[in-house]
Amino acid sequence: MGATLSTTYGSLVVFSQIALFDWRKCEREETAMPAPPFQPPEMTYPPITSGATVRQWQQQMKNRGWNLVPDGKYGPISERICTNFQREHRLEPDGIVGPITWRAAWEAPSTLAPQAPAEVLHVGSYGDAVAVWEEQADNRGWPIKHVDSSFDEETAAACRALQAAYGLPVTGNVDYQTWDAAWREAAPA
């Protein structure tokens, strides 16, 4: 059983299916890859923002399909990806990789894309569907400075980078596969 969540972008209403269960309480199948034990570093001031643990989380986020370089440094890009991941998975969006966010990075199911528009989006397209895709691509780490409902060269460049990362034909146009890829995560089965 699920519920429908709607978000309005101008005149476009996007409906998404959400599950009415807490993935953290589900029994895991034997084939599921459990999260490695969360071992937070000893708290110091300033907080530790680099090292092997940071790199491990960054690599997992990259494995899930987020555009993040696992460099072992938890900077503004990592924090932004963390906050967006937390929002997408209905966790407290504080930008901190604590025990719940750590576990979710390995065990949370993937989110579902809203219905793709009927037409292919391309340079010159404009409207609410463009804004929805721009916002999602930007949230996932393919930066678009001007999320403005106008599909321009900046949007096309982000589109091409996303397509290349997912092994899709690099066209710079948002077709069904590219639309879906902006929401796709390679989450454990």
N, C-alpha and C. Protein backbone atom coordinates (compact mmCIF):
# COMPACT_ATOMS: atom_id res chain seq x y z
N MET A 1 0.84 -1.18 0.00
CA MET A 1 0.00 0.00 0.00
C MET A 1 0.89 1.23 0.00
N GLY A 2 0.48 2.27 -0.70
CA GLY A 2 1.27 3.48 -0.78
C GLY A 2 0.39 4.71 -0.74
N ALA A 3 1.01 5.84 -0.74
CA ALA A 3 0.30 7.10 -0.75
C ALA A 3 0.84 7.92 -1.91
N THR A 4 0.04 8.88 -2.35
CA THR A 4 0.46 9.74 -3.44
C THR A 4 0.85 11.09 -2.86
N LEU A 5 2.01 11.55 -3.21
CA LEU A 5 2.52 12.84 -2.80
C LEU A 5 2.52 13.73 -4.03
N SER A 6 2.00 14.95 -3.89
CA SER A 6 2.01 15.84 -5.04
C SER A 6 2.84 17.08 -4.73
N THR A 7 3.55 17.55 -5.73
CA THR A 7 4.33 18.76 -5.65
C THR A 7 3.94 19.62 -6.84
N THR A 8 3.74 20.91 -6.60
CA THR A 8 3.32 21.80 -7.67
C THR A 8 4.48 22.67 -8.12
N TYR A 9 4.73 22.71 -9.42
CA TYR A 9 5.73 23.57 -10.05
C TYR A 9 4.97 24.42 -11.06
N GLY A 10 4.65 25.65 -10.68
CA GLY A 10 3.85 26.49 -11.57
C GLY A 10 2.50 25.83 -11.78
N SER A 11 2.16 25.51 -13.03
CA SER A 11 0.88 24.87 -13.32
C SER A 11 1.00 23.36 -13.41
N LEU A 12 2.21 22.81 -13.26
CA LEU A 12 2.43 21.37 -13.36
C LEU A 12 2.38 20.76 -11.97
N VAL A 13 1.53 19.75 -11.79
CA VAL A 13 1.47 19.03 -10.54
C VAL A 13 2.13 17.68 -10.77
N VAL A 14 3.16 17.38 -9.99
CA VAL A 14 3.90 16.13 -10.12
C VAL A 14 3.44 15.21 -9.00
N PHE A 15 2.97 14.03 -9.38
CA PHE A 15 2.53 13.04 -8.41
C PHE A 15 3.60 11.97 -8.28
N SER A 16 3.96 11.63 -7.06
CA SER A 16 4.94 10.59 -6.80
C SER A 16 4.33 9.58 -5.84
N GLN A 17 4.60 8.32 -6.07
CA GLN A 17 4.15 7.29 -5.16
C GLN A 17 5.16 7.16 -4.03
N ILE A 18 4.67 7.15 -2.79
CA ILE A 18 5.55 6.91 -1.66
C ILE A 18 5.00 5.72 -0.89
N ALA A 19 5.88 4.95 -0.35
CA ALA A 19 5.49 3.78 0.40
C ALA A 19 5.11 4.18 1.82
N LEU A 20 4.13 3.48 2.39
CA LEU A 20 3.72 3.75 3.75
C LEU A 20 4.38 2.75 4.70
N PHE A 21 5.67 2.64 4.60
CA PHE A 21 6.42 1.80 5.52
C PHE A 21 7.76 2.44 5.78
N ASP A 22 8.36 2.04 6.86
CA ASP A 22 9.67 2.55 7.22
C ASP A 22 10.69 1.52 6.81
N TRP A 23 11.50 1.82 5.79
CA TRP A 23 12.47 0.86 5.27
C TRP A 23 13.44 0.40 6.35
N ARG A 24 13.64 1.24 7.39
CA ARG A 24 14.58 0.87 8.45
C ARG A 24 14.05 -0.27 9.32
N LYS A 25 12.72 -0.53 9.27
CA LYS A 25 12.13 -1.59 10.08
C LYS A 25 11.89 -2.86 9.30
N CYS A 26 12.20 -2.86 8.01
CA CYS A 26 11.96 -4.02 7.16
C CYS A 26 13.00 -5.10 7.42
N GLU A 27 12.55 -6.33 7.24
CA GLU A 27 13.48 -7.46 7.29
C GLU A 27 14.29 -7.43 6.01
N ARG A 28 15.58 -7.62 6.11
CA ARG A 28 16.41 -7.65 4.93
C ARG A 28 16.53 -9.07 4.42
N GLU A 29 16.53 -9.20 3.10
CA GLU A 29 16.77 -10.50 2.50
C GLU A 29 18.25 -10.82 2.63
N GLU A 30 18.57 -12.07 2.55
CA GLU A 30 19.96 -12.50 2.67
C GLU A 30 20.84 -11.89 1.58
N THR A 31 20.23 -11.55 0.42
CA THR A 31 21.02 -11.01 -0.69
C THR A 31 21.28 -9.52 -0.55
N ALA A 32 20.58 -8.84 0.36
CA ALA A 32 20.78 -7.40 0.51
C ALA A 32 22.15 -7.13 1.13
N MET A 33 22.78 -6.05 0.64
CA MET A 33 24.09 -5.69 1.16
C MET A 33 23.89 -4.78 2.37
N PRO A 34 24.21 -5.26 3.59
CA PRO A 34 24.02 -4.42 4.76
C PRO A 34 25.05 -3.29 4.80
N ALA A 35 24.68 -2.25 5.51
CA ALA A 35 25.61 -1.13 5.68
C ALA A 35 26.78 -1.57 6.54
N PRO A 36 27.98 -1.09 6.24
CA PRO A 36 29.09 -1.37 7.14
C PRO A 36 28.81 -0.71 8.48
N PRO A 37 29.37 -1.20 9.56
CA PRO A 37 29.11 -0.59 10.87
C PRO A 37 29.48 0.89 10.84
N PHE A 38 28.61 1.69 11.46
CA PHE A 38 28.87 3.12 11.54
C PHE A 38 29.81 3.35 12.71
N GLN A 39 30.97 3.88 12.42
CA GLN A 39 31.95 4.17 13.46
C GLN A 39 32.33 5.63 13.37
N PRO A 40 31.54 6.48 14.06
CA PRO A 40 31.85 7.90 13.97
C PRO A 40 33.20 8.19 14.61
N PRO A 41 33.93 9.13 14.02
CA PRO A 41 35.21 9.49 14.63
C PRO A 41 34.97 10.18 15.96
N GLU A 42 35.97 10.17 16.81
CA GLU A 42 35.86 10.85 18.09
C GLU A 42 35.57 12.33 17.81
N MET A 43 34.60 12.87 18.52
CA MET A 43 34.19 14.25 18.28
C MET A 43 35.28 15.21 18.78
N THR A 44 35.68 16.07 17.91
CA THR A 44 36.67 17.09 18.23
C THR A 44 36.18 18.40 17.64
N TYR A 45 36.85 19.47 17.97
CA TYR A 45 36.53 20.74 17.34
C TYR A 45 37.77 21.24 16.63
N PRO A 46 37.68 21.63 15.40
CA PRO A 46 36.49 21.53 14.55
C PRO A 46 36.19 20.08 14.19
N PRO A 47 34.96 19.80 13.74
CA PRO A 47 34.58 18.43 13.41
C PRO A 47 35.48 17.85 12.31
N ILE A 48 35.70 16.54 12.37
CA ILE A 48 36.50 15.86 11.36
C ILE A 48 35.71 15.83 10.06
N THR A 49 36.32 16.30 9.00
CA THR A 49 35.62 16.35 7.71
C THR A 49 36.43 15.71 6.60
N SER A 50 37.32 14.82 6.97
CA SER A 50 38.09 14.12 5.94
C SER A 50 38.55 12.77 6.46
N GLY A 51 38.90 11.89 5.52
CA GLY A 51 39.44 10.60 5.90
C GLY A 51 38.74 9.44 5.20
N ALA A 52 39.12 8.24 5.62
CA ALA A 52 38.63 7.01 4.98
C ALA A 52 37.12 6.83 5.13
N THR A 53 36.56 7.19 6.29
CA THR A 53 35.12 7.04 6.50
C THR A 53 34.35 7.96 5.56
N VAL A 54 34.82 9.18 5.40
CA VAL A 54 34.19 10.12 4.47
C VAL A 54 34.26 9.56 3.05
N ARG A 55 35.42 9.07 2.67
CA ARG A 55 35.60 8.50 1.33
C ARG A 55 34.67 7.30 1.11
N GLN A 56 34.50 6.46 2.13
CA GLN A 56 33.63 5.29 2.01
C GLN A 56 32.18 5.72 1.76
N TRP A 57 31.70 6.73 2.51
CA TRP A 57 30.34 7.23 2.30
C TRP A 57 30.21 7.86 0.91
N GLN A 58 31.19 8.67 0.52
CA GLN A 58 31.15 9.30 -0.80
C GLN A 58 31.11 8.25 -1.91
N GLN A 59 31.90 7.20 -1.78
CA GLN A 59 31.92 6.14 -2.80
C GLN A 59 30.56 5.46 -2.88
N GLN A 60 29.93 5.22 -1.73
CA GLN A 60 28.61 4.59 -1.74
C GLN A 60 27.58 5.50 -2.41
N MET A 61 27.65 6.79 -2.15
CA MET A 61 26.72 7.73 -2.79
C MET A 61 26.96 7.73 -4.30
N LYS A 62 28.20 7.70 -4.72
CA LYS A 62 28.52 7.61 -6.15
C LYS A 62 27.97 6.31 -6.72
N ASN A 63 28.13 5.20 -5.99
CA ASN A 63 27.60 3.91 -6.43
C ASN A 63 26.08 3.95 -6.58
N ARG A 64 25.42 4.76 -5.76
CA ARG A 64 23.96 4.89 -5.82
C ARG A 64 23.52 5.79 -6.97
N GLY A 65 24.44 6.48 -7.61
CA GLY A 65 24.07 7.30 -8.75
C GLY A 65 24.15 8.80 -8.51
N TRP A 66 24.66 9.21 -7.36
CA TRP A 66 24.82 10.63 -7.08
C TRP A 66 26.15 11.10 -7.66
N ASN A 67 26.18 12.31 -8.17
CA ASN A 67 27.37 12.84 -8.82
C ASN A 67 28.31 13.43 -7.77
N LEU A 68 29.18 12.59 -7.26
CA LEU A 68 30.06 12.98 -6.17
C LEU A 68 31.42 12.30 -6.36
N VAL A 69 32.48 13.06 -6.21
CA VAL A 69 33.83 12.51 -6.33
C VAL A 69 34.27 12.04 -4.94
N PRO A 70 34.59 10.75 -4.78
CA PRO A 70 35.04 10.25 -3.48
C PRO A 70 36.48 10.65 -3.18
N ASP A 71 36.65 11.87 -2.69
CA ASP A 71 38.00 12.39 -2.43
C ASP A 71 38.36 12.36 -0.94
N GLY A 72 37.43 11.90 -0.09
CA GLY A 72 37.71 11.83 1.33
C GLY A 72 37.59 13.14 2.07
N LYS A 73 37.09 14.19 1.40
CA LYS A 73 36.93 15.51 2.02
C LYS A 73 35.44 15.86 2.04
N TYR A 74 34.89 16.06 3.23
CA TYR A 74 33.48 16.39 3.37
C TYR A 74 33.33 17.91 3.32
N GLY A 75 33.18 18.42 2.09
CA GLY A 75 33.05 19.85 1.88
C GLY A 75 31.63 20.22 1.50
N PRO A 76 31.45 21.40 0.92
CA PRO A 76 30.11 21.88 0.57
C PRO A 76 29.36 20.96 -0.40
N ILE A 77 30.05 20.34 -1.35
CA ILE A 77 29.37 19.46 -2.31
C ILE A 77 28.87 18.21 -1.60
N SER A 78 29.69 17.62 -0.75
CA SER A 78 29.26 16.44 0.00
C SER A 78 28.09 16.77 0.91
N GLU A 79 28.15 17.92 1.57
CA GLU A 79 27.06 18.32 2.47
C GLU A 79 25.77 18.53 1.68
N ARG A 80 25.87 19.14 0.52
CA ARG A 80 24.69 19.37 -0.32
C ARG A 80 24.09 18.05 -0.79
N ILE A 81 24.94 17.12 -1.23
CA ILE A 81 24.47 15.80 -1.66
C ILE A 81 23.81 15.09 -0.48
N CYS A 82 24.43 15.16 0.70
CA CYS A 82 23.88 14.52 1.89
C CYS A 82 22.49 15.09 2.21
N THR A 83 22.36 16.41 2.22
CA THR A 83 21.08 17.05 2.53
C THR A 83 20.02 16.66 1.52
N ASN A 84 20.35 16.65 0.24
CA ASN A 84 19.38 16.28 -0.80
C ASN A 84 19.00 14.80 -0.68
N PHE A 85 19.96 13.93 -0.39
CA PHE A 85 19.68 12.51 -0.16
C PHE A 85 18.73 12.35 1.03
N GLN A 86 19.00 13.07 2.11
CA GLN A 86 18.14 12.99 3.29
C GLN A 86 16.72 13.44 2.96
N ARG A 87 16.56 14.53 2.24
CA ARG A 87 15.22 14.99 1.85
C ARG A 87 14.51 13.94 1.01
N GLU A 88 15.23 13.39 0.03
CA GLU A 88 14.64 12.43 -0.88
C GLU A 88 14.18 11.16 -0.16
N HIS A 89 14.86 10.82 0.93
CA HIS A 89 14.53 9.61 1.67
C HIS A 89 13.81 9.91 2.98
N ARG A 90 13.29 11.12 3.09
CA ARG A 90 12.47 11.55 4.21
C ARG A 90 13.17 11.39 5.56
N LEU A 91 14.45 11.78 5.57
CA LEU A 91 15.24 11.82 6.79
C LEU A 91 15.40 13.28 7.19
N GLU A 92 15.86 13.53 8.40
CA GLU A 92 16.11 14.89 8.84
C GLU A 92 17.20 15.50 7.95
N PRO A 93 16.86 16.55 7.17
CA PRO A 93 17.84 17.11 6.22
C PRO A 93 18.83 18.07 6.89
N ASP A 94 19.75 17.50 7.67
CA ASP A 94 20.70 18.34 8.40
C ASP A 94 22.09 18.37 7.77
N GLY A 95 22.30 17.58 6.70
CA GLY A 95 23.59 17.59 6.03
C GLY A 95 24.69 16.86 6.79
N ILE A 96 24.31 16.11 7.82
CA ILE A 96 25.27 15.37 8.63
C ILE A 96 25.09 13.88 8.39
N VAL A 97 26.17 13.18 8.13
CA VAL A 97 26.10 11.73 7.94
C VAL A 97 26.23 11.07 9.31
N GLY A 98 25.07 10.95 9.98
CA GLY A 98 25.01 10.24 11.25
C GLY A 98 24.63 8.79 11.01
N PRO A 99 24.33 8.03 12.07
CA PRO A 99 24.03 6.61 11.92
C PRO A 99 22.86 6.30 10.99
N ILE A 100 21.79 7.10 11.02
CA ILE A 100 20.62 6.83 10.18
C ILE A 100 20.94 7.11 8.72
N THR A 101 21.57 8.23 8.44
CA THR A 101 21.94 8.55 7.06
C THR A 101 22.97 7.56 6.53
N TRP A 102 23.91 7.18 7.37
CA TRP A 102 24.92 6.19 6.97
C TRP A 102 24.24 4.91 6.53
N ARG A 103 23.35 4.39 7.35
CA ARG A 103 22.66 3.13 7.03
C ARG A 103 21.80 3.29 5.78
N ALA A 104 21.13 4.42 5.66
CA ALA A 104 20.28 4.66 4.49
C ALA A 104 21.09 4.65 3.20
N ALA A 105 22.32 5.12 3.26
CA ALA A 105 23.17 5.15 2.06
C ALA A 105 23.36 3.75 1.48
N TRP A 106 23.28 2.73 2.32
CA TRP A 106 23.44 1.36 1.85
C TRP A 106 22.11 0.62 1.72
N GLU A 107 21.12 0.96 2.53
CA GLU A 107 19.94 0.11 2.63
C GLU A 107 18.62 0.72 2.16
N ALA A 108 18.54 2.03 2.01
CA ALA A 108 17.27 2.65 1.60
C ALA A 108 16.94 2.31 0.16
N PRO A 109 15.67 2.03 -0.13
CA PRO A 109 15.30 1.76 -1.52
C PRO A 109 15.42 3.02 -2.37
N SER A 110 15.53 2.82 -3.65
CA SER A 110 15.62 3.93 -4.60
C SER A 110 14.28 4.67 -4.67
N THR A 111 14.34 5.94 -5.02
CA THR A 111 13.12 6.72 -5.20
C THR A 111 12.61 6.55 -6.63
N LEU A 112 11.34 6.84 -6.84
CA LEU A 112 10.73 6.70 -8.16
C LEU A 112 10.61 8.06 -8.84
N ALA A 113 10.84 8.07 -10.13
CA ALA A 113 10.71 9.31 -10.91
C ALA A 113 9.24 9.62 -11.14
N PRO A 114 8.87 10.90 -11.17
CA PRO A 114 7.51 11.24 -11.58
C PRO A 114 7.33 10.95 -13.07
N GLN A 115 6.11 10.99 -13.52
CA GLN A 115 5.79 10.74 -14.93
C GLN A 115 6.61 11.67 -15.82
N ALA A 116 7.28 11.08 -16.80
CA ALA A 116 8.06 11.87 -17.75
C ALA A 116 7.12 12.64 -18.68
N PRO A 117 7.55 13.80 -19.15
CA PRO A 117 6.71 14.53 -20.09
C PRO A 117 6.58 13.77 -21.41
N ALA A 118 5.52 14.02 -22.14
CA ALA A 118 5.27 13.33 -23.41
C ALA A 118 6.29 13.73 -24.47
N GLU A 119 6.74 14.97 -24.43
CA GLU A 119 7.68 15.45 -25.44
C GLU A 119 9.11 15.40 -24.91
N VAL A 120 10.06 15.24 -25.81
CA VAL A 120 11.48 15.27 -25.45
C VAL A 120 11.86 16.72 -25.16
N LEU A 121 12.55 16.95 -24.04
CA LEU A 121 13.00 18.30 -23.70
C LEU A 121 14.35 18.54 -24.36
N HIS A 122 14.54 19.74 -24.91
CA HIS A 122 15.76 20.07 -25.65
C HIS A 122 16.01 21.56 -25.52
N VAL A 123 17.17 22.00 -26.01
CA VAL A 123 17.48 23.43 -25.99
C VAL A 123 16.34 24.17 -26.67
N GLY A 124 15.79 25.15 -25.98
CA GLY A 124 14.65 25.90 -26.49
C GLY A 124 13.34 25.51 -25.80
N SER A 125 13.29 24.33 -25.17
CA SER A 125 12.09 23.94 -24.42
C SER A 125 11.99 24.81 -23.18
N TYR A 126 10.78 25.02 -22.72
CA TYR A 126 10.59 25.77 -21.49
C TYR A 126 9.32 25.29 -20.82
N GLY A 127 9.20 25.58 -19.54
CA GLY A 127 7.99 25.22 -18.81
C GLY A 127 8.29 24.43 -17.55
N ASP A 128 7.21 23.98 -16.94
CA ASP A 128 7.30 23.33 -15.64
C ASP A 128 8.06 22.01 -15.69
N ALA A 129 7.91 21.23 -16.75
CA ALA A 129 8.64 19.96 -16.85
C ALA A 129 10.14 20.21 -16.88
N VAL A 130 10.56 21.26 -17.56
CA VAL A 130 11.99 21.62 -17.60
C VAL A 130 12.46 21.96 -16.18
N ALA A 131 11.67 22.75 -15.45
CA ALA A 131 12.04 23.13 -14.09
C ALA A 131 12.16 21.92 -13.18
N VAL A 132 11.24 20.96 -13.31
CA VAL A 132 11.28 19.75 -12.49
C VAL A 132 12.56 18.97 -12.76
N TRP A 133 12.90 18.79 -14.05
CA TRP A 133 14.11 18.04 -14.39
C TRP A 133 15.37 18.79 -13.96
N GLU A 134 15.41 20.11 -14.20
CA GLU A 134 16.57 20.90 -13.80
C GLU A 134 16.81 20.80 -12.30
N GLU A 135 15.75 20.92 -11.52
CA GLU A 135 15.89 20.87 -10.06
C GLU A 135 16.41 19.50 -9.61
N GLN A 136 15.87 18.43 -10.18
CA GLN A 136 16.30 17.09 -9.79
C GLN A 136 17.75 16.83 -10.18
N ALA A 137 18.12 17.18 -11.40
CA ALA A 137 19.51 16.99 -11.84
C ALA A 137 20.46 17.80 -10.95
N ASP A 138 20.09 19.03 -10.65
CA ASP A 138 20.91 19.88 -9.79
C ASP A 138 21.02 19.27 -8.39
N ASN A 139 19.90 18.78 -7.84
CA ASN A 139 19.92 18.17 -6.51
C ASN A 139 20.82 16.94 -6.46
N ARG A 140 20.88 16.20 -7.56
CA ARG A 140 21.67 14.97 -7.61
C ARG A 140 23.15 15.23 -7.90
N GLY A 141 23.53 16.49 -8.11
CA GLY A 141 24.94 16.81 -8.25
C GLY A 141 25.40 17.21 -9.63
N TRP A 142 24.47 17.35 -10.57
CA TRP A 142 24.82 17.87 -11.90
C TRP A 142 24.41 19.34 -11.87
N PRO A 143 25.34 20.22 -11.52
CA PRO A 143 25.00 21.61 -11.23
C PRO A 143 24.35 22.36 -12.40
N ILE A 144 23.29 23.05 -12.06
CA ILE A 144 22.62 23.97 -12.98
C ILE A 144 22.39 25.25 -12.17
N LYS A 145 23.15 26.29 -12.48
CA LYS A 145 23.06 27.54 -11.71
C LYS A 145 21.71 28.21 -11.85
N HIS A 146 21.12 28.12 -13.03
CA HIS A 146 19.86 28.82 -13.29
C HIS A 146 18.74 27.81 -13.52
N VAL A 147 18.14 27.33 -12.43
CA VAL A 147 16.97 26.45 -12.53
C VAL A 147 15.79 27.39 -12.75
N ASP A 148 15.45 27.59 -14.03
CA ASP A 148 14.52 28.66 -14.38
C ASP A 148 13.46 28.27 -15.40
N SER A 149 13.23 26.99 -15.59
CA SER A 149 12.21 26.50 -16.53
C SER A 149 12.58 26.68 -17.99
N SER A 150 13.81 27.11 -18.26
CA SER A 150 14.24 27.33 -19.63
C SER A 150 15.40 26.39 -19.94
N PHE A 151 15.22 25.50 -20.92
CA PHE A 151 16.24 24.52 -21.29
C PHE A 151 17.25 25.22 -22.19
N ASP A 152 18.37 25.61 -21.59
CA ASP A 152 19.40 26.33 -22.34
C ASP A 152 20.67 25.47 -22.43
N GLU A 153 21.76 26.06 -22.89
CA GLU A 153 23.01 25.31 -23.05
C GLU A 153 23.54 24.80 -21.71
N GLU A 154 23.34 25.54 -20.63
CA GLU A 154 23.77 25.08 -19.31
C GLU A 154 23.02 23.81 -18.92
N THR A 155 21.71 23.78 -19.16
CA THR A 155 20.91 22.60 -18.88
C THR A 155 21.34 21.44 -19.77
N ALA A 156 21.61 21.73 -21.04
CA ALA A 156 22.05 20.69 -21.97
C ALA A 156 23.39 20.10 -21.54
N ALA A 157 24.30 20.93 -21.03
CA ALA A 157 25.60 20.44 -20.56
C ALA A 157 25.42 19.51 -19.36
N ALA A 158 24.55 19.88 -18.42
CA ALA A 158 24.27 19.01 -17.27
C ALA A 158 23.63 17.71 -17.74
N CYS A 159 22.75 17.82 -18.73
CA CYS A 159 22.09 16.65 -19.31
C CYS A 159 23.11 15.70 -19.93
N ARG A 160 24.03 16.24 -20.70
CA ARG A 160 25.06 15.40 -21.34
C ARG A 160 25.94 14.72 -20.29
N ALA A 161 26.30 15.44 -19.24
CA ALA A 161 27.13 14.85 -18.18
C ALA A 161 26.38 13.72 -17.48
N LEU A 162 25.11 13.91 -17.19
CA LEU A 162 24.30 12.87 -16.56
C LEU A 162 24.17 11.67 -17.49
N GLN A 163 23.91 11.92 -18.76
CA GLN A 163 23.78 10.82 -19.73
C GLN A 163 25.08 10.02 -19.81
N ALA A 164 26.21 10.70 -19.85
CA ALA A 164 27.50 10.00 -19.91
C ALA A 164 27.72 9.16 -18.66
N ALA A 165 27.36 9.70 -17.50
CA ALA A 165 27.56 8.97 -16.24
C ALA A 165 26.72 7.71 -16.17
N TYR A 166 25.55 7.72 -16.80
CA TYR A 166 24.65 6.56 -16.78
C TYR A 166 24.78 5.68 -18.01
N GLY A 167 25.72 6.00 -18.89
CA GLY A 167 25.91 5.17 -20.09
C GLY A 167 24.77 5.29 -21.09
N LEU A 168 24.09 6.42 -21.09
CA LEU A 168 23.02 6.67 -22.05
C LEU A 168 23.59 7.37 -23.28
N PRO A 169 22.87 7.34 -24.40
CA PRO A 169 23.32 8.12 -25.56
C PRO A 169 23.44 9.59 -25.16
N VAL A 170 24.57 10.20 -25.44
CA VAL A 170 24.83 11.58 -25.04
C VAL A 170 24.29 12.52 -26.11
N THR A 171 23.05 12.96 -25.90
CA THR A 171 22.36 13.81 -26.87
C THR A 171 22.15 15.23 -26.37
N GLY A 172 22.15 15.41 -25.05
CA GLY A 172 21.81 16.72 -24.49
C GLY A 172 20.33 16.97 -24.46
N ASN A 173 19.53 15.97 -24.83
CA ASN A 173 18.06 16.07 -24.80
C ASN A 173 17.53 15.17 -23.70
N VAL A 174 16.47 15.60 -23.03
CA VAL A 174 15.87 14.79 -21.97
C VAL A 174 14.73 13.98 -22.55
N ASP A 175 15.04 12.71 -22.86
CA ASP A 175 14.01 11.77 -23.29
C ASP A 175 13.58 10.98 -22.05
N TYR A 176 12.76 9.93 -22.25
CA TYR A 176 12.27 9.16 -21.11
C TYR A 176 13.41 8.59 -20.27
N GLN A 177 14.43 7.99 -20.93
CA GLN A 177 15.53 7.37 -20.18
C GLN A 177 16.32 8.40 -19.37
N THR A 178 16.54 9.56 -19.94
CA THR A 178 17.30 10.60 -19.25
C THR A 178 16.48 11.18 -18.11
N TRP A 179 15.18 11.35 -18.33
CA TRP A 179 14.28 11.81 -17.26
C TRP A 179 14.37 10.85 -16.08
N ASP A 180 14.20 9.57 -16.36
CA ASP A 180 14.22 8.54 -15.33
C ASP A 180 15.58 8.49 -14.62
N ALA A 181 16.66 8.66 -15.36
CA ALA A 181 18.00 8.58 -14.78
C ALA A 181 18.24 9.65 -13.72
N ALA A 182 17.60 10.80 -13.86
CA ALA A 182 17.79 11.87 -12.88
C ALA A 182 17.27 11.48 -11.50
N TRP A 183 16.38 10.50 -11.44
CA TRP A 183 15.85 10.02 -10.15
C TRP A 183 16.44 8.67 -9.77
N ARG A 184 17.08 7.98 -10.71
CA ARG A 184 17.52 6.61 -10.48
C ARG A 184 18.67 6.53 -9.49
N GLU A 185 18.59 5.53 -8.66
CA GLU A 185 19.70 5.18 -7.78
C GLU A 185 19.99 3.71 -8.00
N ALA A 186 21.22 3.35 -7.89
CA ALA A 186 21.60 1.94 -8.00
C ALA A 186 21.56 1.35 -6.60
N ALA A 187 20.37 1.39 -5.99
CA ALA A 187 20.21 0.92 -4.62
C ALA A 187 20.23 -0.60 -4.55
N PRO A 188 20.63 -1.15 -3.42
CA PRO A 188 20.61 -2.61 -3.27
C PRO A 188 19.21 -3.16 -3.48
N ALA A 189 19.11 -4.37 -4.02
CA ALA A 189 17.81 -5.00 -4.26
C ALA A 189 17.17 -5.42 -2.97
